Amino acid sequence: MNAEAISVGLVVKSIAGHDSGSYYAVMKKEGGFAYIADGKARRVEAPKKKNPLHLRKTNTVIDVSQITNKKLRAALAKFNAEADFTEEGD
């Protein structure tokens, strides 16, 4: 996926790296990279720098302007629960 397809607040799935399979929210874009957070391993205060080619976008956008780690975890819980269910079904 190219960097233009990524927007702030977009929910994305990591498809490469040690965090592959997990869902994150894009906190900011800078220098061709997306900075992602999930509110648990990657906190809102310290998002992970990720290459957009290693992300798959969803059709969900959340407002991250005033989001807390707790609210972010709650917003992503649905996505991560579906991912866990899919992995168990394989």
PDB file of N, CA and C in Angstrom:
ATOM      1  N   MET A   1       0.852  -1.170   0.000  1.00  0.00           N
ATOM      2  CA  MET A   1       0.000   0.000   0.000  1.00  0.00           C
ATOM      3  C   MET A   1       0.896   1.231   0.000  1.00  0.00           C
ATOM      4  N   ASN A   2       0.554   2.216  -0.794  1.00  0.00           N
ATOM      5  CA  ASN A   2       1.380   3.416  -0.838  1.00  0.00           C
ATOM      6  C   ASN A   2       1.024   4.369   0.293  1.00  0.00           C
ATOM      7  N   ALA A   3       1.914   5.298   0.551  1.00  0.00           N
ATOM      8  CA  ALA A   3       1.756   6.225   1.676  1.00  0.00           C
ATOM      9  C   ALA A   3       0.530   7.126   1.513  1.00  0.00           C
ATOM     10  N   GLU A   4       0.114   7.403   0.277  1.00  0.00           N
ATOM     11  CA  GLU A   4      -1.033   8.270   0.059  1.00  0.00           C
ATOM     12  C   GLU A   4      -2.340   7.616   0.506  1.00  0.00           C
ATOM     13  N   ALA A   5      -2.380   6.297   0.511  1.00  0.00           N
ATOM     14  CA  ALA A   5      -3.594   5.582   0.909  1.00  0.00           C
ATOM     15  C   ALA A   5      -3.798   5.596   2.427  1.00  0.00           C
ATOM     16  N   ILE A   6      -2.750   5.939   3.155  1.00  0.00           N
ATOM     17  CA  ILE A   6      -2.811   5.972   4.618  1.00  0.00           C
ATOM     18  C   ILE A   6      -3.249   7.358   5.060  1.00  0.00           C
ATOM     19  N   SER A   7      -4.176   7.404   6.020  1.00  0.00           N
ATOM     20  CA  SER A   7      -4.581   8.681   6.591  1.00  0.00           C
ATOM     21  C   SER A   7      -4.609   8.549   8.110  1.00  0.00           C
ATOM     22  N   VAL A   8      -4.482   9.661   8.786  1.00  0.00           N
ATOM     23  CA  VAL A   8      -4.494   9.667  10.243  1.00  0.00           C
ATOM     24  C   VAL A   8      -5.853   9.190  10.732  1.00  0.00           C
ATOM     25  N   GLY A   9      -5.838   8.274  11.688  1.00  0.00           N
ATOM     26  CA  GLY A   9      -7.070   7.722  12.245  1.00  0.00           C
ATOM     27  C   GLY A   9      -7.509   6.422  11.594  1.00  0.00           C
ATOM     28  N   LEU A  10      -6.884   6.046  10.500  1.00  0.00           N
ATOM     29  CA  LEU A  10      -7.241   4.820   9.798  1.00  0.00           C
ATOM     30  C   LEU A  10      -6.818   3.602  10.624  1.00  0.00           C
ATOM     31  N   VAL A  11      -7.680   2.611  10.707  1.00  0.00           N
ATOM     32  CA  VAL A  11      -7.333   1.349  11.359  1.00  0.00           C
ATOM     33  C   VAL A  11      -6.650   0.477  10.316  1.00  0.00           C
ATOM     34  N   VAL A  12      -5.466  -0.035  10.658  1.00  0.00           N
ATOM     35  CA  VAL A  12      -4.673  -0.835   9.730  1.00  0.00           C
ATOM     36  C   VAL A  12      -4.259  -2.144  10.393  1.00  0.00           C
ATOM     37  N   LYS A  13      -3.941  -3.122   9.545  1.00  0.00           N
ATOM     38  CA  LYS A  13      -3.442  -4.406  10.024  1.00  0.00           C
ATOM     39  C   LYS A  13      -1.988  -4.524   9.586  1.00  0.00           C
ATOM     40  N   SER A  14      -1.136  -4.888  10.516  1.00  0.00           N
ATOM     41  CA  SER A  14       0.270  -5.086  10.193  1.00  0.00           C
ATOM     42  C   SER A  14       0.407  -6.426   9.488  1.00  0.00           C
ATOM     43  N   ILE A  15       1.091  -6.436   8.337  1.00  0.00           N
ATOM     44  CA  ILE A  15       1.241  -7.684   7.577  1.00  0.00           C
ATOM     45  C   ILE A  15       2.689  -8.130   7.493  1.00  0.00           C
ATOM     46  N   ALA A  16       3.603  -7.389   8.131  1.00  0.00           N
ATOM     47  CA  ALA A  16       5.020  -7.768   8.119  1.00  0.00           C
ATOM     48  C   ALA A  16       5.661  -7.362   9.435  1.00  0.00           C
ATOM     49  N   GLY A  17       6.644  -8.127   9.848  1.00  0.00           N
ATOM     50  CA  GLY A  17       7.353  -7.829  11.082  1.00  0.00           C
ATOM     51  C   GLY A  17       6.848  -8.672  12.238  1.00  0.00           C
ATOM     52  N   HIS A  18       7.446  -8.454  13.402  1.00  0.00           N
ATOM     53  CA  HIS A  18       7.066  -9.255  14.572  1.00  0.00           C
ATOM     54  C   HIS A  18       5.656  -8.955  15.051  1.00  0.00           C
ATOM     55  N   ASP A  19       5.093  -7.847  14.634  1.00  0.00           N
ATOM     56  CA  ASP A  19       3.741  -7.467  15.042  1.00  0.00           C
ATOM     57  C   ASP A  19       2.686  -7.819  13.987  1.00  0.00           C
ATOM     58  N   SER A  20       3.042  -8.662  13.018  1.00  0.00           N
ATOM     59  CA  SER A  20       2.103  -8.976  11.942  1.00  0.00           C
ATOM     60  C   SER A  20       0.857  -9.664  12.493  1.00  0.00           C
ATOM     61  N   GLY A  21      -0.274  -9.321  11.903  1.00  0.00           N
ATOM     62  CA  GLY A  21      -1.551  -9.882  12.318  1.00  0.00           C
ATOM     63  C   GLY A  21      -2.299  -9.019  13.310  1.00  0.00           C
ATOM     64  N   SER A  22      -1.658  -8.008  13.861  1.00  0.00           N
ATOM     65  CA  SER A  22      -2.292  -7.134  14.845  1.00  0.00           C
ATOM     66  C   SER A  22      -2.846  -5.879  14.177  1.00  0.00           C
ATOM     67  N   TYR A  23      -3.846  -5.315  14.811  1.00  0.00           N
ATOM     68  CA  TYR A  23      -4.479  -4.099  14.300  1.00  0.00           C
ATOM     69  C   TYR A  23      -4.000  -2.886  15.082  1.00  0.00           C
ATOM     70  N   TYR A  24      -3.841  -1.786  14.371  1.00  0.00           N
ATOM     71  CA  TYR A  24      -3.351  -0.540  14.940  1.00  0.00           C
ATOM     72  C   TYR A  24      -4.117   0.628  14.341  1.00  0.00           C
ATOM     73  N   ALA A  25      -3.997   1.788  14.975  1.00  0.00           N
ATOM     74  CA  ALA A  25      -4.528   3.027  14.419  1.00  0.00           C
ATOM     75  C   ALA A  25      -3.353   3.902  14.022  1.00  0.00           C
ATOM     76  N   VAL A  26      -3.486   4.572  12.900  1.00  0.00           N
ATOM     77  CA  VAL A  26      -2.442   5.485  12.438  1.00  0.00           C
ATOM     78  C   VAL A  26      -2.572   6.778  13.242  1.00  0.00           C
ATOM     79  N   MET A  27      -1.521   7.111  13.980  1.00  0.00           N
ATOM     80  CA  MET A  27      -1.523   8.299  14.822  1.00  0.00           C
ATOM     81  C   MET A  27      -1.039   9.534  14.068  1.00  0.00           C
ATOM     82  N   LYS A  28      -0.063   9.331  13.170  1.00  0.00           N
ATOM     83  CA  LYS A  28       0.418  10.444  12.344  1.00  0.00           C
ATOM     84  C   LYS A  28       1.158   9.888  11.142  1.00  0.00           C
ATOM     85  N   LYS A  29       1.358  10.756  10.152  1.00  0.00           N
ATOM     86  CA  LYS A  29       2.148  10.443   8.962  1.00  0.00           C
ATOM     87  C   LYS A  29       3.275  11.442   8.894  1.00  0.00           C
ATOM     88  N   GLU A  30       4.468  10.944   8.599  1.00  0.00           N
ATOM     89  CA  GLU A  30       5.609  11.848   8.534  1.00  0.00           C
ATOM     90  C   GLU A  30       6.730  11.202   7.735  1.00  0.00           C
ATOM     91  N   GLY A  31       7.246  11.905   6.754  1.00  0.00           N
ATOM     92  CA  GLY A  31       8.385  11.428   5.998  1.00  0.00           C
ATOM     93  C   GLY A  31       8.157  10.126   5.261  1.00  0.00           C
ATOM     94  N   GLY A  32       6.944   9.886   4.793  1.00  0.00           N
ATOM     95  CA  GLY A  32       6.657   8.660   4.062  1.00  0.00           C
ATOM     96  C   GLY A  32       6.394   7.459   4.950  1.00  0.00           C
ATOM     97  N   PHE A  33       6.357   7.655   6.257  1.00  0.00           N
ATOM     98  CA  PHE A  33       6.096   6.566   7.189  1.00  0.00           C
ATOM     99  C   PHE A  33       4.796   6.828   7.942  1.00  0.00           C
ATOM    100  N   ALA A  34       4.197   5.752   8.433  1.00  0.00           N
ATOM    101  CA  ALA A  34       3.023   5.854   9.284  1.00  0.00           C
ATOM    102  C   ALA A  34       3.462   5.540  10.710  1.00  0.00           C
ATOM    103  N   TYR A  35       2.943   6.259  11.663  1.00  0.00           N
ATOM    104  CA  TYR A  35       3.223   6.010  13.072  1.00  0.00           C
ATOM    105  C   TYR A  35       1.962   5.407  13.668  1.00  0.00           C
ATOM    106  N   ILE A  36       2.075   4.156  14.141  1.00  0.00           N
ATOM    107  CA  ILE A  36       0.907   3.398  14.567  1.00  0.00           C
ATOM    108  C   ILE A  36       0.956   3.092  16.059  1.00  0.00           C
ATOM    109  N   ALA A  37      -0.225   2.959  16.662  1.00  0.00           N
ATOM    110  CA  ALA A  37      -0.336   2.640  18.077  1.00  0.00           C
ATOM    111  C   ALA A  37      -1.547   1.746  18.288  1.00  0.00           C
ATOM    112  N   ASP A  38      -1.474   0.930  19.343  1.00  0.00           N
ATOM    113  CA  ASP A  38      -2.616   0.091  19.704  1.00  0.00           C
ATOM    114  C   ASP A  38      -3.091   0.345  21.134  1.00  0.00           C
ATOM    115  N   GLY A  39      -2.406   1.201  21.876  1.00  0.00           N
ATOM    116  CA  GLY A  39      -2.810   1.537  23.236  1.00  0.00           C
ATOM    117  C   GLY A  39      -2.301   0.571  24.284  1.00  0.00           C
ATOM    118  N   LYS A  40      -1.635  -0.493  23.873  1.00  0.00           N
ATOM    119  CA  LYS A  40      -1.130  -1.477  24.824  1.00  0.00           C
ATOM    120  C   LYS A  40       0.381  -1.628  24.654  1.00  0.00           C
ATOM    121  N   ALA A  41       0.807  -2.392  23.664  1.00  0.00           N
ATOM    122  CA  ALA A  41       2.240  -2.568  23.414  1.00  0.00           C
ATOM    123  C   ALA A  41       2.839  -1.285  22.849  1.00  0.00           C
ATOM    124  N   ARG A  42       2.095  -0.635  21.984  1.00  0.00           N
ATOM    125  CA  ARG A  42       2.509   0.640  21.416  1.00  0.00           C
ATOM    126  C   ARG A  42       1.535   1.709  21.886  1.00  0.00           C
ATOM    127  N   ARG A  43       1.986   2.526  22.818  1.00  0.00           N
ATOM    128  CA  ARG A  43       1.145   3.534  23.434  1.00  0.00           C
ATOM    129  C   ARG A  43       0.955   4.733  22.500  1.00  0.00           C
ATOM    130  N   VAL A  44      -0.064   5.502  22.782  1.00  0.00           N
ATOM    131  CA  VAL A  44      -0.374   6.698  22.007  1.00  0.00           C
ATOM    132  C   VAL A  44       0.792   7.686  22.077  1.00  0.00           C
ATOM    133  N   GLU A  45       1.468   7.747  23.228  1.00  0.00           N
ATOM    134  CA  GLU A  45       2.562   8.692  23.422  1.00  0.00           C
ATOM    135  C   GLU A  45       3.820   8.304  22.648  1.00  0.00           C
ATOM    136  N   ALA A  46       3.968   7.029  22.304  1.00  0.00           N
ATOM    137  CA  ALA A  46       5.174   6.540  21.630  1.00  0.00           C
ATOM    138  C   ALA A  46       4.799   5.581  20.507  1.00  0.00           C
ATOM    139  N   PRO A  47       4.212   6.082  19.424  1.00  0.00           N
ATOM    140  CA  PRO A  47       3.795   5.188  18.336  1.00  0.00           C
ATOM    141  C   PRO A  47       4.982   4.594  17.587  1.00  0.00           C
ATOM    142  N   LYS A  48       4.756   3.456  16.949  1.00  0.00           N
ATOM    143  CA  LYS A  48       5.790   2.755  16.181  1.00  0.00           C
ATOM    144  C   LYS A  48       5.858   3.303  14.764  1.00  0.00           C
ATOM    145  N   LYS A  49       7.068   3.549  14.291  1.00  0.00           N
ATOM    146  CA  LYS A  49       7.293   3.986  12.923  1.00  0.00           C
ATOM    147  C   LYS A  49       7.218   2.760  12.020  1.00  0.00           C
ATOM    148  N   LYS A  50       6.355   2.799  11.012  1.00  0.00           N
ATOM    149  CA  LYS A  50       6.131   1.632  10.162  1.00  0.00           C
ATOM    150  C   LYS A  50       6.046   2.052   8.698  1.00  0.00           C
ATOM    151  N   ASN A  51       6.628   1.247   7.839  1.00  0.00           N
ATOM    152  CA  ASN A  51       6.555   1.456   6.409  1.00  0.00           C
ATOM    153  C   ASN A  51       5.127   1.143   5.944  1.00  0.00           C
ATOM    154  N   PRO A  52       4.480   2.044   5.211  1.00  0.00           N
ATOM    155  CA  PRO A  52       3.110   1.789   4.744  1.00  0.00           C
ATOM    156  C   PRO A  52       2.968   0.539   3.872  1.00  0.00           C
ATOM    157  N   LEU A  53       4.045   0.093   3.257  1.00  0.00           N
ATOM    158  CA  LEU A  53       3.978  -1.138   2.462  1.00  0.00           C
ATOM    159  C   LEU A  53       3.718  -2.359   3.341  1.00  0.00           C
ATOM    160  N   HIS A  54       3.970  -2.241   4.628  1.00  0.00           N
ATOM    161  CA  HIS A  54       3.786  -3.351   5.560  1.00  0.00           C
ATOM    162  C   HIS A  54       2.452  -3.275   6.290  1.00  0.00           C
ATOM    163  N   LEU A  55       1.555  -2.442   5.793  1.00  0.00           N
ATOM    164  CA  LEU A  55       0.249  -2.268   6.411  1.00  0.00           C
ATOM    165  C   LEU A  55      -0.858  -2.541   5.406  1.00  0.00           C
ATOM    166  N   ARG A  56      -1.942  -3.108   5.891  1.00  0.00           N
ATOM    167  CA  ARG A  56      -3.139  -3.307   5.063  1.00  0.00           C
ATOM    168  C   ARG A  56      -4.260  -2.495   5.705  1.00  0.00           C
ATOM    169  N   LYS A  57      -4.871  -1.614   4.922  1.00  0.00           N
ATOM    170  CA  LYS A  57      -5.884  -0.743   5.499  1.00  0.00           C
ATOM    171  C   LYS A  57      -7.230  -1.440   5.622  1.00  0.00           C
ATOM    172  N   THR A  58      -8.037  -0.940   6.554  1.00  0.00           N
ATOM    173  CA  THR A  58      -9.422  -1.368   6.704  1.00  0.00           C
ATOM    174  C   THR A  58     -10.295  -0.198   6.249  1.00  0.00           C
ATOM    175  N   ASN A  59     -11.576  -0.357   6.330  1.00  0.00           N
ATOM    176  CA  ASN A  59     -12.491   0.720   5.950  1.00  0.00           C
ATOM    177  C   ASN A  59     -12.930   1.547   7.151  1.00  0.00           C
ATOM    178  N   THR A  60     -12.240   1.403   8.277  1.00  0.00           N
ATOM    179  CA  THR A  60     -12.631   2.077   9.505  1.00  0.00           C
ATOM    180  C   THR A  60     -11.673   3.214   9.827  1.00  0.00           C
ATOM    181  N   VAL A  61     -12.232   4.352  10.172  1.00  0.00           N
ATOM    182  CA  VAL A  61     -11.448   5.502  10.603  1.00  0.00           C
ATOM    183  C   VAL A  61     -11.967   5.921  11.974  1.00  0.00           C
ATOM    184  N   ILE A  62     -11.049   6.158  12.902  1.00  0.00           N
ATOM    185  CA  ILE A  62     -11.425   6.623  14.237  1.00  0.00           C
ATOM    186  C   ILE A  62     -10.799   7.991  14.476  1.00  0.00           C
ATOM    187  N   ASP A  63     -11.402   8.768  15.351  1.00  0.00           N
ATOM    188  CA  ASP A  63     -10.884  10.093  15.683  1.00  0.00           C
ATOM    189  C   ASP A  63      -9.787   9.932  16.727  1.00  0.00           C
ATOM    190  N   VAL A  64      -8.561  10.241  16.361  1.00  0.00           N
ATOM    191  CA  VAL A  64      -7.433  10.070  17.274  1.00  0.00           C
ATOM    192  C   VAL A  64      -6.953  11.388  17.874  1.00  0.00           C
ATOM    193  N   SER A  65      -7.694  12.472  17.647  1.00  0.00           N
ATOM    194  CA  SER A  65      -7.235  13.778  18.120  1.00  0.00           C
ATOM    195  C   SER A  65      -7.188  13.859  19.648  1.00  0.00           C
ATOM    196  N   GLN A  66      -8.135  13.297  20.335  1.00  0.00           N
ATOM    197  CA  GLN A  66      -8.178  13.349  21.800  1.00  0.00           C
ATOM    198  C   GLN A  66      -8.254  11.953  22.412  1.00  0.00           C
ATOM    199  N   ILE A  67      -7.707  10.962  21.727  1.00  0.00           N
ATOM    200  CA  ILE A  67      -7.858   9.574  22.164  1.00  0.00           C
ATOM    201  C   ILE A  67      -6.860   9.234  23.271  1.00  0.00           C
ATOM    202  N   THR A  68      -7.301   8.382  24.188  1.00  0.00           N
ATOM    203  CA  THR A  68      -6.437   7.873  25.245  1.00  0.00           C
ATOM    204  C   THR A  68      -6.093   6.430  24.921  1.00  0.00           C
ATOM    205  N   ASN A  69      -5.133   5.874  25.633  1.00  0.00           N
ATOM    206  CA  ASN A  69      -4.756   4.480  25.406  1.00  0.00           C
ATOM    207  C   ASN A  69      -5.934   3.540  25.665  1.00  0.00           C
ATOM    208  N   LYS A  70      -6.693   3.828  26.710  1.00  0.00           N
ATOM    209  CA  LYS A  70      -7.845   2.988  27.054  1.00  0.00           C
ATOM    210  C   LYS A  70      -8.904   3.011  25.949  1.00  0.00           C
ATOM    211  N   LYS A  71      -9.200   4.196  25.441  1.00  0.00           N
ATOM    212  CA  LYS A  71     -10.196   4.320  24.372  1.00  0.00           C
ATOM    213  C   LYS A  71      -9.704   3.664  23.086  1.00  0.00           C
ATOM    214  N   LEU A  72      -8.411   3.761  22.822  1.00  0.00           N
ATOM    215  CA  LEU A  72      -7.849   3.138  21.625  1.00  0.00           C
ATOM    216  C   LEU A  72      -7.926   1.620  21.717  1.00  0.00           C
ATOM    217  N   ARG A  73      -7.599   1.060  22.873  1.00  0.00           N
ATOM    218  CA  ARG A  73      -7.712  -0.395  23.061  1.00  0.00           C
ATOM    219  C   ARG A  73      -9.149  -0.850  22.845  1.00  0.00           C
ATOM    220  N   ALA A  74     -10.109  -0.089  23.363  1.00  0.00           N
ATOM    221  CA  ALA A  74     -11.524  -0.440  23.209  1.00  0.00           C
ATOM    222  C   ALA A  74     -11.947  -0.377  21.742  1.00  0.00           C
ATOM    223  N   ALA A  75     -11.467   0.631  21.023  1.00  0.00           N
ATOM    224  CA  ALA A  75     -11.832   0.779  19.606  1.00  0.00           C
ATOM    225  C   ALA A  75     -11.248  -0.349  18.761  1.00  0.00           C
ATOM    226  N   LEU A  76     -10.068  -0.836  19.118  1.00  0.00           N
ATOM    227  CA  LEU A  76      -9.416  -1.895  18.342  1.00  0.00           C
ATOM    228  C   LEU A  76      -9.777  -3.296  18.823  1.00  0.00           C
ATOM    229  N   ALA A  77     -10.461  -3.417  19.945  1.00  0.00           N
ATOM    230  CA  ALA A  77     -10.784  -4.728  20.519  1.00  0.00           C
ATOM    231  C   ALA A  77     -11.587  -5.591  19.552  1.00  0.00           C
ATOM    232  N   LYS A  78     -12.528  -4.991  18.846  1.00  0.00           N
ATOM    233  CA  LYS A  78     -13.355  -5.740  17.889  1.00  0.00           C
ATOM    234  C   LYS A  78     -12.493  -6.357  16.790  1.00  0.00           C
ATOM    235  N   PHE A  79     -11.556  -5.594  16.275  1.00  0.00           N
ATOM    236  CA  PHE A  79     -10.691  -6.082  15.207  1.00  0.00           C
ATOM    237  C   PHE A  79      -9.785  -7.208  15.704  1.00  0.00           C
ATOM    238  N   ASN A  80      -9.174  -7.021  16.872  1.00  0.00           N
ATOM    239  CA  ASN A  80      -8.269  -8.029  17.401  1.00  0.00           C
ATOM    240  C   ASN A  80      -9.008  -9.300  17.813  1.00  0.00           C
ATOM    241  N   ALA A  81     -10.239  -9.163  18.285  1.00  0.00           N
ATOM    242  CA  ALA A  81     -11.035 -10.338  18.633  1.00  0.00           C
ATOM    243  C   ALA A  81     -11.361 -11.154  17.382  1.00  0.00           C
ATOM    244  N   GLU A  82     -11.693 -10.488  16.287  1.00  0.00           N
ATOM    245  CA  GLU A  82     -11.971 -11.189  15.034  1.00  0.00           C
ATOM    246  C   GLU A  82     -10.715 -11.867  14.497  1.00  0.00           C
ATOM    247  N   ALA A  83      -9.561 -11.230  14.677  1.00  0.00           N
ATOM    248  CA  ALA A  83      -8.293 -11.819  14.226  1.00  0.00           C
ATOM    249  C   ALA A  83      -7.979 -13.076  15.030  1.00  0.00           C
ATOM    250  N   ASP A  84      -8.222 -13.028  16.345  1.00  0.00           N
ATOM    251  CA  ASP A  84      -7.967 -14.198  17.187  1.00  0.00           C
ATOM    252  C   ASP A  84      -8.904 -15.341  16.805  1.00  0.00           C
ATOM    253  N   PHE A  85     -10.169 -15.027  16.506  1.00  0.00           N
ATOM    254  CA  PHE A  85     -11.136 -16.041  16.124  1.00  0.00           C
ATOM    255  C   PHE A  85     -10.748 -16.686  14.796  1.00  0.00           C
ATOM    256  N   THR A  86     -10.302 -15.892  13.856  1.00  0.00           N
ATOM    257  CA  THR A  86      -9.887 -16.402  12.537  1.00  0.00           C
ATOM    258  C   THR A  86      -8.683 -17.321  12.667  1.00  0.00           C
ATOM    259  N   GLU A  87      -7.727 -16.966  13.502  1.00  0.00           N
ATOM    260  CA  GLU A  87      -6.533 -17.789  13.680  1.00  0.00           C
ATOM    261  C   GLU A  87      -6.881 -19.135  14.313  1.00  0.00           C
ATOM    262  N   GLU A  88      -7.830 -19.136  15.254  1.00  0.00           N
ATOM    263  CA  GLU A  88      -8.237 -20.383  15.881  1.00  0.00           C
ATOM    264  C   GLU A  88      -8.991 -21.274  14.921  1.00  0.00           C
ATOM    265  N   GLY A  89      -9.697 -20.668  13.967  1.00  0.00           N
ATOM    266  CA  GLY A  89     -10.498 -21.424  13.008  1.00  0.00           C
ATOM    267  C   GLY A  89      -9.669 -22.098  11.926  1.00  0.00           C
ATOM    268  N   ASP A  90      -8.422 -21.677  11.737  1.00  0.00           N
ATOM    269  CA  ASP A  90      -7.578 -22.247  10.688  1.00  0.00           C
ATOM    270  C   ASP A  90      -7.142 -23.643  10.985  1.00  0.00           C
TER     271      ASP A  90
END
